Amino acid sequence: MKRVFFTFCLLFCLLTSSSIILAAERLIVANAPTLLTGLLNIAADKGYFTEQGLEVVVNNAKTGDAATRAMFVGQADVATVAETAFVFDSFREKDFSLFATIGSWDNEVKIVARTDRDINSIADLRGKVVGTHPKISVHYFLTQALLKHGLTMHDIKPVFMEAGKLPAALERGEIDAFSLREPFIGQARKLLKGNIKVFAEPGLYWKSFSLVARNETLKNRSVALQKFLRALRQAEMLVREQPAKAATILAAHFNRSPEQIASDLKHVKLRLGLERRLVYVLENIVNWAMDEKLMKTKSIPNFLPMINTGLLRKVKSNSVTIIE
């Protein structure tokens, strides 16, 4: 009798666990790996997605533009993207929306120069060959940094190529400097054995990374996406309450020391939100794109219809300050 009872219990447990596995809803996220999307890494490592009944697969892309491309061709349900790539996407694609910001920082993008090219400040970039990835945040930052120091893109010799190729180009001496973020800055340090200068302009560009999805996905999978946001909310609380633990988790993902990550986390805002400032930044980027003749539009579009506040309001209502 005991053996029968034990067998019954074992079968019950197996069936129950199987149903839990089958019940887990799958979400594929195309992610541009940066500290600003670190909540994804923390939520995955801590099992927060699983706790919410989700199976979340995070596929890395080199840039936010590449991440949204994956989403648009059906390779991902959700993508992470910075404002600049979102703006350019908004002119190519109409059936998608931004539904939460997950990280922001006013000092992520920097300019890196070789020590042997007589560049001691951003003003010294005049006449130099400067590389960047076109039409994304690092391009936008380069233009703004030059303007602050009395230069324009016409005063340098710009070279546009994929972000991942720029550190090697700097090592080979094909370019004198580049405008990029981590992990590419770290790659340049290793390739040139530290023989680089890094120029930061904190406060110049408050950059954020946000989550976007097709409108059909937002409508048909709203319950799963709310669970997804709740898991990220748990990750946000870990960053706030246990910053050392968060730094250790993120250090493993970005091949940096926990001390370096902890130092950055004192300034980086890893938290869910939809702030009014986002719309202001998007409008500024359109103005920049028009000035640089990167798009043909002659007017600033209304971005509000492309921002879905409903999902985040159900998870963290006090973080939504955008007025629709």
C-alpha atoms as a PDB file:
ATOM      1  CA  MET A   1       0.000   0.000   0.000  1.00  0.00           C
ATOM      2  CA  LYS A   2       2.837   2.369   0.895  1.00  0.00           C
ATOM      3  CA  ARG A   3       4.527   1.571  -2.423  1.00  0.00           C
ATOM      4  CA  VAL A   4       1.323   2.400  -4.335  1.00  0.00           C
ATOM      5  CA  PHE A   5       0.927   5.646  -2.427  1.00  0.00           C
ATOM      6  CA  PHE A   6       4.560   6.583  -3.125  1.00  0.00           C
ATOM      7  CA  THR A   7       4.155   5.817  -6.826  1.00  0.00           C
ATOM      8  CA  PHE A   8       1.000   7.946  -6.951  1.00  0.00           C
ATOM      9  CA  CYS A   9       2.781  10.869  -5.307  1.00  0.00           C
ATOM     10  CA  LEU A  10       5.720  10.545  -7.682  1.00  0.00           C
ATOM     11  CA  LEU A  11       3.441  10.544 -10.720  1.00  0.00           C
ATOM     12  CA  PHE A  12       1.539  13.531  -9.334  1.00  0.00           C
ATOM     13  CA  CYS A  13       4.764  15.505  -8.855  1.00  0.00           C
ATOM     14  CA  LEU A  14       5.977  14.667 -12.338  1.00  0.00           C
ATOM     15  CA  LEU A  15       2.677  15.661 -13.902  1.00  0.00           C
ATOM     16  CA  THR A  16       2.553  18.866 -11.887  1.00  0.00           C
ATOM     17  CA  SER A  17       6.115  19.865 -12.783  1.00  0.00           C
ATOM     18  CA  SER A  18       5.471  19.049 -16.425  1.00  0.00           C
ATOM     19  CA  SER A  19       2.392  21.256 -16.458  1.00  0.00           C
ATOM     20  CA  ILE A  20       4.430  24.106 -14.960  1.00  0.00           C
ATOM     21  CA  ILE A  21       7.030  23.736 -17.700  1.00  0.00           C
ATOM     22  CA  LEU A  22       4.358  23.631 -20.367  1.00  0.00           C
ATOM     23  CA  ALA A  23       2.633  26.664 -18.836  1.00  0.00           C
ATOM     24  CA  ALA A  24       5.762  28.843 -19.094  1.00  0.00           C
ATOM     25  CA  GLU A  25       5.181  31.382 -21.838  1.00  0.00           C
ATOM     26  CA  ARG A  26       8.168  32.097 -24.066  1.00  0.00           C
ATOM     27  CA  LEU A  27       9.418  35.569 -24.910  1.00  0.00           C
ATOM     28  CA  ILE A  28      12.414  36.237 -27.133  1.00  0.00           C
ATOM     29  CA  VAL A  29      14.249  39.487 -26.466  1.00  0.00           C
ATOM     30  CA  ALA A  30      16.755  40.985 -28.896  1.00  0.00           C
ATOM     31  CA  ASN A  31      19.100  42.939 -26.653  1.00  0.00           C
ATOM     32  CA  ALA A  32      21.935  45.364 -27.269  1.00  0.00           C
ATOM     33  CA  PRO A  33      24.195  44.375 -24.348  1.00  0.00           C
ATOM     34  CA  THR A  34      25.051  47.481 -22.368  1.00  0.00           C
ATOM     35  CA  LEU A  35      24.949  48.393 -18.712  1.00  0.00           C
ATOM     36  CA  LEU A  36      21.737  50.300 -19.462  1.00  0.00           C
ATOM     37  CA  THR A  37      19.952  47.026 -20.238  1.00  0.00           C
ATOM     38  CA  GLY A  38      21.411  45.332 -17.168  1.00  0.00           C
ATOM     39  CA  LEU A  39      18.007  44.690 -15.597  1.00  0.00           C
ATOM     40  CA  LEU A  40      17.535  41.940 -18.185  1.00  0.00           C
ATOM     41  CA  ASN A  41      20.730  40.208 -17.065  1.00  0.00           C
ATOM     42  CA  ILE A  42      19.839  40.476 -13.398  1.00  0.00           C
ATOM     43  CA  ALA A  43      16.285  39.214 -13.891  1.00  0.00           C
ATOM     44  CA  ALA A  44      17.563  36.233 -15.881  1.00  0.00           C
ATOM     45  CA  ASP A  45      20.357  35.366 -13.441  1.00  0.00           C
ATOM     46  CA  LYS A  46      18.119  35.624 -10.375  1.00  0.00           C
ATOM     47  CA  GLY A  47      15.339  33.566 -11.926  1.00  0.00           C
ATOM     48  CA  TYR A  48      12.781  36.373 -11.768  1.00  0.00           C
ATOM     49  CA  PHE A  49      11.399  35.559 -15.223  1.00  0.00           C
ATOM     50  CA  THR A  50      10.895  31.936 -14.215  1.00  0.00           C
ATOM     51  CA  GLU A  51       9.123  33.024 -11.024  1.00  0.00           C
ATOM     52  CA  GLN A  52       6.689  34.943 -13.221  1.00  0.00           C
ATOM     53  CA  GLY A  53       5.988  31.834 -15.298  1.00  0.00           C
ATOM     54  CA  LEU A  54       8.008  32.975 -18.277  1.00  0.00           C
ATOM     55  CA  GLU A  55      10.755  31.467 -20.370  1.00  0.00           C
ATOM     56  CA  VAL A  56      12.736  34.479 -21.548  1.00  0.00           C
ATOM     57  CA  VAL A  57      15.434  33.984 -24.179  1.00  0.00           C
ATOM     58  CA  VAL A  58      17.812  36.943 -24.497  1.00  0.00           C
ATOM     59  CA  ASN A  59      19.651  37.109 -27.829  1.00  0.00           C
ATOM     60  CA  ASN A  60      22.442  39.656 -28.000  1.00  0.00           C
ATOM     61  CA  ALA A  61      22.714  42.142 -30.864  1.00  0.00           C
ATOM     62  CA  LYS A  62      25.606  44.534 -31.401  1.00  0.00           C
ATOM     63  CA  THR A  63      23.437  47.659 -31.396  1.00  0.00           C
ATOM     64  CA  GLY A  64      19.883  48.723 -30.683  1.00  0.00           C
ATOM     65  CA  ASP A  65      19.340  49.131 -34.405  1.00  0.00           C
ATOM     66  CA  ALA A  66      20.293  45.487 -34.968  1.00  0.00           C
ATOM     67  CA  ALA A  67      18.013  44.466 -32.102  1.00  0.00           C
ATOM     68  CA  THR A  68      14.955  46.148 -33.611  1.00  0.00           C
ATOM     69  CA  ARG A  69      15.800  44.700 -37.023  1.00  0.00           C
ATOM     70  CA  ALA A  70      15.541  41.241 -35.446  1.00  0.00           C
ATOM     71  CA  MET A  71      12.166  42.166 -34.003  1.00  0.00           C
ATOM     72  CA  PHE A  72      10.808  43.508 -37.270  1.00  0.00           C
ATOM     73  CA  VAL A  73      11.695  40.316 -39.167  1.00  0.00           C
ATOM     74  CA  GLY A  74      10.049  38.134 -36.550  1.00  0.00           C
ATOM     75  CA  GLN A  75      13.157  36.839 -34.766  1.00  0.00           C
ATOM     76  CA  ALA A  76      12.210  38.475 -31.460  1.00  0.00           C
ATOM     77  CA  ASP A  77       9.102  39.546 -29.567  1.00  0.00           C
ATOM     78  CA  VAL A  78      10.763  42.454 -27.779  1.00  0.00           C
ATOM     79  CA  ALA A  79      13.847  44.564 -28.502  1.00  0.00           C
ATOM     80  CA  THR A  80      15.963  47.008 -26.518  1.00  0.00           C
ATOM     81  CA  VAL A  81      16.811  50.245 -28.260  1.00  0.00           C
ATOM     82  CA  ALA A  82      18.172  53.720 -27.538  1.00  0.00           C
ATOM     83  CA  GLU A  83      16.334  56.867 -28.604  1.00  0.00           C
ATOM     84  CA  THR A  84      18.306  57.527 -31.784  1.00  0.00           C
ATOM     85  CA  ALA A  85      17.680  54.140 -33.393  1.00  0.00           C
ATOM     86  CA  PHE A  86      14.048  54.363 -32.273  1.00  0.00           C
ATOM     87  CA  VAL A  87      13.658  57.657 -34.132  1.00  0.00           C
ATOM     88  CA  PHE A  88      15.037  56.245 -37.374  1.00  0.00           C
ATOM     89  CA  ASP A  89      12.906  53.117 -36.963  1.00  0.00           C
ATOM     90  CA  SER A  90       9.828  55.316 -36.539  1.00  0.00           C
ATOM     91  CA  PHE A  91      10.295  56.655 -40.058  1.00  0.00           C
ATOM     92  CA  ARG A  92      10.682  53.167 -41.545  1.00  0.00           C
ATOM     93  CA  GLU A  93       8.181  51.204 -39.481  1.00  0.00           C
ATOM     94  CA  LYS A  94       4.778  52.241 -38.130  1.00  0.00           C
ATOM     95  CA  ASP A  95       3.355  49.180 -36.410  1.00  0.00           C
ATOM     96  CA  PHE A  96       5.396  49.168 -33.187  1.00  0.00           C
ATOM     97  CA  SER A  97       5.571  51.045 -29.886  1.00  0.00           C
ATOM     98  CA  LEU A  98       7.912  51.796 -27.020  1.00  0.00           C
ATOM     99  CA  PHE A  99       6.477  50.545 -23.713  1.00  0.00           C
ATOM    100  CA  ALA A 100       9.121  51.091 -21.004  1.00  0.00           C
ATOM    101  CA  THR A 101      12.531  52.590 -20.372  1.00  0.00           C
ATOM    102  CA  ILE A 102      14.801  50.264 -18.389  1.00  0.00           C
ATOM    103  CA  GLY A 103      18.040  52.211 -17.986  1.00  0.00           C
ATOM    104  CA  SER A 104      19.488  55.677 -18.485  1.00  0.00           C
ATOM    105  CA  TRP A 105      22.764  57.529 -17.983  1.00  0.00           C
ATOM    106  CA  ASP A 106      24.213  60.880 -18.991  1.00  0.00           C
ATOM    107  CA  ASN A 107      27.759  59.533 -19.424  1.00  0.00           C
ATOM    108  CA  GLU A 108      27.578  56.247 -21.313  1.00  0.00           C
ATOM    109  CA  VAL A 109      29.014  57.306 -24.674  1.00  0.00           C
ATOM    110  CA  LYS A 110      32.579  58.592 -24.802  1.00  0.00           C
ATOM    111  CA  ILE A 111      35.241  59.535 -27.331  1.00  0.00           C
ATOM    112  CA  VAL A 112      38.377  57.396 -27.420  1.00  0.00           C
ATOM    113  CA  ALA A 113      41.592  58.551 -29.130  1.00  0.00           C
ATOM    114  CA  ARG A 114      45.033  57.077 -29.737  1.00  0.00           C
ATOM    115  CA  THR A 115      47.737  58.571 -27.522  1.00  0.00           C
ATOM    116  CA  ASP A 116      50.104  58.985 -30.487  1.00  0.00           C
ATOM    117  CA  ARG A 117      47.813  61.233 -32.566  1.00  0.00           C
ATOM    118  CA  ASP A 118      48.303  64.475 -30.611  1.00  0.00           C
ATOM    119  CA  ILE A 119      44.739  64.581 -29.314  1.00  0.00           C
ATOM    120  CA  ASN A 120      44.533  66.075 -25.834  1.00  0.00           C
ATOM    121  CA  SER A 121      40.948  67.274 -25.931  1.00  0.00           C
ATOM    122  CA  ILE A 122      37.850  66.946 -28.089  1.00  0.00           C
ATOM    123  CA  ALA A 123      38.779  70.269 -29.702  1.00  0.00           C
ATOM    124  CA  ASP A 124      41.923  68.561 -31.047  1.00  0.00           C
ATOM    125  CA  LEU A 125      39.782  66.307 -33.259  1.00  0.00           C
ATOM    126  CA  ARG A 126      39.810  69.010 -35.944  1.00  0.00           C
ATOM    127  CA  GLY A 127      41.134  67.418 -39.136  1.00  0.00           C
ATOM    128  CA  LYS A 128      41.326  63.975 -37.523  1.00  0.00           C
ATOM    129  CA  VAL A 129      39.796  60.732 -38.785  1.00  0.00           C
ATOM    130  CA  VAL A 130      37.018  59.886 -36.344  1.00  0.00           C
ATOM    131  CA  GLY A 131      34.935  56.737 -36.547  1.00  0.00           C
ATOM    132  CA  THR A 132      31.464  55.982 -35.284  1.00  0.00           C
ATOM    133  CA  HIS A 133      28.472  53.781 -36.021  1.00  0.00           C
ATOM    134  CA  PRO A 134      26.033  55.851 -38.129  1.00  0.00           C
ATOM    135  CA  LYS A 135      22.528  56.923 -37.156  1.00  0.00           C
ATOM    136  CA  ILE A 136      22.564  55.663 -33.582  1.00  0.00           C
ATOM    137  CA  SER A 137      23.316  57.246 -30.203  1.00  0.00           C
ATOM    138  CA  VAL A 138      27.115  57.234 -30.593  1.00  0.00           C
ATOM    139  CA  HIS A 139      26.782  59.251 -33.806  1.00  0.00           C
ATOM    140  CA  TYR A 140      24.420  61.702 -32.127  1.00  0.00           C
ATOM    141  CA  PHE A 141      26.780  62.082 -29.156  1.00  0.00           C
ATOM    142  CA  LEU A 142      29.767  62.743 -31.422  1.00  0.00           C
ATOM    143  CA  THR A 143      27.938  65.608 -33.105  1.00  0.00           C
ATOM    144  CA  GLN A 144      26.888  67.120 -29.771  1.00  0.00           C
ATOM    145  CA  ALA A 145      30.384  66.779 -28.282  1.00  0.00           C
ATOM    146  CA  LEU A 146      31.942  68.476 -31.294  1.00  0.00           C
ATOM    147  CA  LEU A 147      29.459  71.353 -31.083  1.00  0.00           C
ATOM    148  CA  LYS A 148      30.268  71.879 -27.409  1.00  0.00           C
ATOM    149  CA  HIS A 149      33.919  72.303 -28.349  1.00  0.00           C
ATOM    150  CA  GLY A 150      33.310  74.619 -31.307  1.00  0.00           C
ATOM    151  CA  LEU A 151      33.455  72.002 -34.074  1.00  0.00           C
ATOM    152  CA  THR A 152      31.048  70.347 -36.476  1.00  0.00           C
ATOM    153  CA  MET A 153      31.157  67.110 -38.433  1.00  0.00           C
ATOM    154  CA  HIS A 154      32.627  69.129 -41.302  1.00  0.00           C
ATOM    155  CA  ASP A 155      35.707  69.868 -39.182  1.00  0.00           C
ATOM    156  CA  ILE A 156      36.631  66.197 -38.868  1.00  0.00           C
ATOM    157  CA  LYS A 157      37.037  63.329 -41.313  1.00  0.00           C
ATOM    158  CA  PRO A 158      34.179  61.036 -40.286  1.00  0.00           C
ATOM    159  CA  VAL A 159      34.340  57.318 -40.959  1.00  0.00           C
ATOM    160  CA  PHE A 160      31.164  55.285 -40.529  1.00  0.00           C
ATOM    161  CA  MET A 161      31.320  51.565 -39.847  1.00  0.00           C
ATOM    162  CA  GLU A 162      29.831  48.935 -37.548  1.00  0.00           C
ATOM    163  CA  ALA A 163      30.594  49.519 -33.883  1.00  0.00           C
ATOM    164  CA  GLY A 164      32.242  46.122 -33.502  1.00  0.00           C
ATOM    165  CA  LYS A 165      34.849  46.959 -36.166  1.00  0.00           C
ATOM    166  CA  LEU A 166      35.949  50.290 -34.751  1.00  0.00           C
ATOM    167  CA  PRO A 167      38.277  49.105 -31.919  1.00  0.00           C
ATOM    168  CA  ALA A 168      40.352  47.084 -34.412  1.00  0.00           C
ATOM    169  CA  ALA A 169      40.386  50.028 -36.834  1.00  0.00           C
ATOM    170  CA  LEU A 170      41.759  52.204 -34.047  1.00  0.00           C
ATOM    171  CA  GLU A 171      44.442  49.626 -33.266  1.00  0.00           C
ATOM    172  CA  ARG A 172      45.500  49.461 -36.920  1.00  0.00           C
ATOM    173  CA  GLY A 173      45.741  53.241 -37.052  1.00  0.00           C
ATOM    174  CA  GLU A 174      43.062  53.572 -39.742  1.00  0.00           C
ATOM    175  CA  ILE A 175      41.258  56.070 -37.526  1.00  0.00           C
ATOM    176  CA  ASP A 176      42.543  58.504 -34.926  1.00  0.00           C
ATOM    177  CA  ALA A 177      39.568  58.266 -32.588  1.00  0.00           C
ATOM    178  CA  PHE A 178      36.056  56.931 -32.258  1.00  0.00           C
ATOM    179  CA  SER A 179      32.792  57.672 -30.480  1.00  0.00           C
ATOM    180  CA  LEU A 180      31.401  54.558 -28.761  1.00  0.00           C
ATOM    181  CA  ARG A 181      30.281  52.970 -25.499  1.00  0.00           C
ATOM    182  CA  GLU A 182      31.158  49.841 -23.580  1.00  0.00           C
ATOM    183  CA  PRO A 183      31.974  47.065 -24.320  1.00  0.00           C
ATOM    184  CA  PHE A 184      33.762  48.606 -27.298  1.00  0.00           C
ATOM    185  CA  ILE A 185      35.788  51.042 -25.190  1.00  0.00           C
ATOM    186  CA  GLY A 186      37.070  48.126 -23.122  1.00  0.00           C
ATOM    187  CA  GLN A 187      37.959  46.240 -26.295  1.00  0.00           C
ATOM    188  CA  ALA A 188      40.036  49.202 -27.451  1.00  0.00           C
ATOM    189  CA  ARG A 189      41.854  49.333 -24.111  1.00  0.00           C
ATOM    190  CA  LYS A 190      42.889  45.705 -24.511  1.00  0.00           C
ATOM    191  CA  LEU A 191      43.848  45.955 -28.171  1.00  0.00           C
ATOM    192  CA  LEU A 192      45.980  49.057 -27.653  1.00  0.00           C
ATOM    193  CA  LYS A 193      47.176  47.840 -24.248  1.00  0.00           C
ATOM    194  CA  GLY A 194      45.760  50.936 -22.581  1.00  0.00           C
ATOM    195  CA  ASN A 195      47.482  53.390 -24.953  1.00  0.00           C
ATOM    196  CA  ILE A 196      44.327  55.438 -25.422  1.00  0.00           C
ATOM    197  CA  LYS A 197      42.749  58.570 -24.051  1.00  0.00           C
ATOM    198  CA  VAL A 198      39.081  58.634 -23.121  1.00  0.00           C
ATOM    199  CA  PHE A 199      37.102  61.874 -23.208  1.00  0.00           C
ATOM    200  CA  ALA A 200      33.808  62.002 -21.336  1.00  0.00           C
ATOM    201  CA  GLU A 201      31.138  64.684 -21.403  1.00  0.00           C
ATOM    202  CA  PRO A 202      28.790  63.900 -18.503  1.00  0.00           C
ATOM    203  CA  GLY A 203      25.504  65.738 -18.756  1.00  0.00           C
ATOM    204  CA  LEU A 204      25.733  66.313 -22.499  1.00  0.00           C
ATOM    205  CA  TYR A 205      23.368  63.529 -23.529  1.00  0.00           C
ATOM    206  CA  TRP A 206      21.066  61.718 -21.137  1.00  0.00           C
ATOM    207  CA  LYS A 207      20.764  58.454 -23.004  1.00  0.00           C
ATOM    208  CA  SER A 208      18.226  55.779 -22.249  1.00  0.00           C
ATOM    209  CA  PHE A 209      17.501  52.247 -23.418  1.00  0.00           C
ATOM    210  CA  SER A 210      13.876  51.224 -23.806  1.00  0.00           C
ATOM    211  CA  LEU A 211      11.769  48.212 -24.667  1.00  0.00           C
ATOM    212  CA  VAL A 212       9.829  48.105 -27.929  1.00  0.00           C
ATOM    213  CA  ALA A 213       7.479  45.582 -29.500  1.00  0.00           C
ATOM    214  CA  ARG A 214       5.059  45.315 -32.379  1.00  0.00           C
ATOM    215  CA  ASN A 215       1.586  46.608 -31.569  1.00  0.00           C
ATOM    216  CA  GLU A 216       0.127  43.166 -32.247  1.00  0.00           C
ATOM    217  CA  THR A 217       2.469  41.693 -29.635  1.00  0.00           C
ATOM    218  CA  LEU A 218       1.558  44.405 -27.138  1.00  0.00           C
ATOM    219  CA  LYS A 219      -2.119  43.644 -27.631  1.00  0.00           C
ATOM    220  CA  ASN A 220      -2.115  39.843 -27.826  1.00  0.00           C
ATOM    221  CA  ARG A 221       0.553  39.146 -25.225  1.00  0.00           C
ATOM    222  CA  SER A 222      -0.130  41.901 -22.731  1.00  0.00           C
ATOM    223  CA  VAL A 223      -0.381  39.500 -19.773  1.00  0.00           C
ATOM    224  CA  ALA A 224       3.020  37.966 -20.531  1.00  0.00           C
ATOM    225  CA  LEU A 225       4.549  41.407 -21.019  1.00  0.00           C
ATOM    226  CA  GLN A 226       3.209  42.570 -17.663  1.00  0.00           C
ATOM    227  CA  LYS A 227       4.869  39.539 -16.059  1.00  0.00           C
ATOM    228  CA  PHE A 228       8.036  40.448 -17.951  1.00  0.00           C
ATOM    229  CA  LEU A 229       7.930  43.976 -16.528  1.00  0.00           C
ATOM    230  CA  ARG A 230       7.269  42.646 -13.013  1.00  0.00           C
ATOM    231  CA  ALA A 231      10.422  40.534 -13.260  1.00  0.00           C
ATOM    232  CA  LEU A 232      12.382  43.603 -14.312  1.00  0.00           C
ATOM    233  CA  ARG A 233      10.833  45.466 -11.406  1.00  0.00           C
ATOM    234  CA  GLN A 234      12.247  42.796  -9.083  1.00  0.00           C
ATOM    235  CA  ALA A 235      15.661  43.303 -10.702  1.00  0.00           C
ATOM    236  CA  GLU A 236      15.319  47.039 -10.170  1.00  0.00           C
ATOM    237  CA  MET A 237      14.672  46.488  -6.474  1.00  0.00           C
ATOM    238  CA  LEU A 238      17.785  44.298  -6.221  1.00  0.00           C
ATOM    239  CA  VAL A 239      19.909  47.087  -7.714  1.00  0.00           C
ATOM    240  CA  ARG A 240      18.463  49.528  -5.207  1.00  0.00           C
ATOM    241  CA  GLU A 241      18.633  47.301  -2.131  1.00  0.00           C
ATOM    242  CA  GLN A 242      21.707  45.167  -2.885  1.00  0.00           C
ATOM    243  CA  PRO A 243      23.928  47.199  -5.241  1.00  0.00           C
ATOM    244  CA  ALA A 244      27.005  45.080  -4.508  1.00  0.00           C
ATOM    245  CA  LYS A 245      25.156  41.916  -5.508  1.00  0.00           C
ATOM    246  CA  ALA A 246      23.872  43.594  -8.673  1.00  0.00           C
ATOM    247  CA  ALA A 247      27.394  44.764  -9.537  1.00  0.00           C
ATOM    248  CA  THR A 248      28.746  41.225  -9.167  1.00  0.00           C
ATOM    249  CA  ILE A 249      26.086  39.831 -11.504  1.00  0.00           C
ATOM    250  CA  LEU A 250      26.640  42.526 -14.127  1.00  0.00           C
ATOM    251  CA  ALA A 251      30.432  42.317 -13.923  1.00  0.00           C
ATOM    252  CA  ALA A 252      30.258  38.710 -15.120  1.00  0.00           C
ATOM    253  CA  HIS A 253      28.200  39.742 -18.142  1.00  0.00           C
ATOM    254  CA  PHE A 254      30.329  42.688 -19.181  1.00  0.00           C
ATOM    255  CA  ASN A 255      33.776  41.287 -18.396  1.00  0.00           C
ATOM    256  CA  ARG A 256      34.535  44.109 -15.992  1.00  0.00           C
ATOM    257  CA  SER A 257      35.358  44.130 -12.308  1.00  0.00           C
ATOM    258  CA  PRO A 258      32.555  44.407  -9.748  1.00  0.00           C
ATOM    259  CA  GLU A 259      34.273  47.547  -8.467  1.00  0.00           C
ATOM    260  CA  GLN A 260      34.067  49.214 -11.900  1.00  0.00           C
ATOM    261  CA  ILE A 261      30.420  48.290 -12.296  1.00  0.00           C
ATOM    262  CA  ALA A 262      29.614  49.429  -8.749  1.00  0.00           C
ATOM    263  CA  SER A 263      31.227  52.789  -9.498  1.00  0.00           C
ATOM    264  CA  ASP A 264      29.075  53.222 -12.621  1.00  0.00           C
ATOM    265  CA  LEU A 265      25.913  52.123 -10.827  1.00  0.00           C
ATOM    266  CA  LYS A 266      26.224  55.157  -8.565  1.00  0.00           C
ATOM    267  CA  HIS A 267      25.289  57.243 -11.614  1.00  0.00           C
ATOM    268  CA  VAL A 268      23.378  54.884 -13.894  1.00  0.00           C
ATOM    269  CA  LYS A 269      19.627  54.654 -13.362  1.00  0.00           C
ATOM    270  CA  LEU A 270      18.552  51.053 -13.833  1.00  0.00           C
ATOM    271  CA  ARG A 271      14.846  51.412 -13.333  1.00  0.00           C
ATOM    272  CA  LEU A 272      11.555  51.172 -15.135  1.00  0.00           C
ATOM    273  CA  GLY A 273       9.925  54.376 -16.264  1.00  0.00           C
ATOM    274  CA  LEU A 274       8.336  56.479 -18.969  1.00  0.00           C
ATOM    275  CA  GLU A 275       9.347  60.066 -18.297  1.00  0.00           C
ATOM    276  CA  ARG A 276       8.342  63.205 -20.180  1.00  0.00           C
ATOM    277  CA  ARG A 277      12.028  63.856 -20.817  1.00  0.00           C
ATOM    278  CA  LEU A 278      11.988  60.944 -23.283  1.00  0.00           C
ATOM    279  CA  VAL A 279       9.746  62.838 -25.709  1.00  0.00           C
ATOM    280  CA  TYR A 280      11.999  65.902 -25.483  1.00  0.00           C
ATOM    281  CA  VAL A 281      15.060  63.801 -26.357  1.00  0.00           C
ATOM    282  CA  LEU A 282      13.277  62.145 -29.292  1.00  0.00           C
ATOM    283  CA  GLU A 283      12.355  65.554 -30.698  1.00  0.00           C
ATOM    284  CA  ASN A 284      15.939  66.803 -30.301  1.00  0.00           C
ATOM    285  CA  ILE A 285      17.212  63.790 -32.216  1.00  0.00           C
ATOM    286  CA  VAL A 286      14.850  64.514 -35.108  1.00  0.00           C
ATOM    287  CA  ASN A 287      16.183  68.083 -35.226  1.00  0.00           C
ATOM    288  CA  TRP A 288      19.732  66.723 -35.284  1.00  0.00           C
ATOM    289  CA  ALA A 289      18.899  64.234 -38.044  1.00  0.00           C
ATOM    290  CA  MET A 290      17.380  67.018 -40.144  1.00  0.00           C
ATOM    291  CA  ASP A 291      20.364  69.331 -39.555  1.00  0.00           C
ATOM    292  CA  GLU A 292      22.773  66.555 -40.553  1.00  0.00           C
ATOM    293  CA  LYS A 293      20.558  65.670 -43.558  1.00  0.00           C
ATOM    294  CA  LEU A 294      20.166  62.113 -42.298  1.00  0.00           C
ATOM    295  CA  MET A 295      16.440  62.069 -43.031  1.00  0.00           C
ATOM    296  CA  LYS A 296      14.173  63.907 -45.449  1.00  0.00           C
ATOM    297  CA  THR A 297      11.418  64.940 -43.060  1.00  0.00           C
ATOM    298  CA  LYS A 298      10.825  68.657 -42.595  1.00  0.00           C
ATOM    299  CA  SER A 299       8.779  68.446 -39.415  1.00  0.00           C
ATOM    300  CA  ILE A 300       8.933  66.762 -36.021  1.00  0.00           C
ATOM    301  CA  PRO A 301       6.415  63.930 -35.748  1.00  0.00           C
ATOM    302  CA  ASN A 302       4.173  63.357 -32.753  1.00  0.00           C
ATOM    303  CA  PHE A 303       5.822  60.512 -30.832  1.00  0.00           C
ATOM    304  CA  LEU A 304       3.077  60.118 -28.225  1.00  0.00           C
ATOM    305  CA  PRO A 305       1.035  57.620 -30.315  1.00  0.00           C
ATOM    306  CA  MET A 306       4.177  55.448 -30.474  1.00  0.00           C
ATOM    307  CA  ILE A 307       4.536  55.237 -26.690  1.00  0.00           C
ATOM    308  CA  ASN A 308       2.376  52.646 -24.959  1.00  0.00           C
ATOM    309  CA  THR A 309       1.988  53.599 -21.293  1.00  0.00           C
ATOM    310  CA  GLY A 310      -0.733  51.091 -20.426  1.00  0.00           C
ATOM    311  CA  LEU A 311       1.460  48.093 -19.577  1.00  0.00           C
ATOM    312  CA  LEU A 312       3.826  49.960 -17.290  1.00  0.00           C
ATOM    313  CA  ARG A 313       0.951  51.751 -15.536  1.00  0.00           C
ATOM    314  CA  LYS A 314      -0.312  48.324 -14.426  1.00  0.00           C
ATOM    315  CA  VAL A 315       3.097  47.366 -13.021  1.00  0.00           C
ATOM    316  CA  LYS A 316       4.621  50.626 -11.765  1.00  0.00           C
ATOM    317  CA  SER A 317       2.146  53.444 -12.270  1.00  0.00           C
ATOM    318  CA  ASN A 318       4.110  56.118 -10.402  1.00  0.00           C
ATOM    319  CA  SER A 319       6.976  55.856 -12.885  1.00  0.00           C
ATOM    320  CA  VAL A 320       4.868  57.057 -15.837  1.00  0.00           C
ATOM    321  CA  THR A 321       4.953  60.828 -16.202  1.00  0.00           C
ATOM    322  CA  ILE A 322       4.221  61.046 -19.915  1.00  0.00           C
ATOM    323  CA  ILE A 323       0.858  62.726 -20.475  1.00  0.00           C
ATOM    324  CA  GLU A 324      -0.963  61.212 -23.432  1.00  0.00           C
END
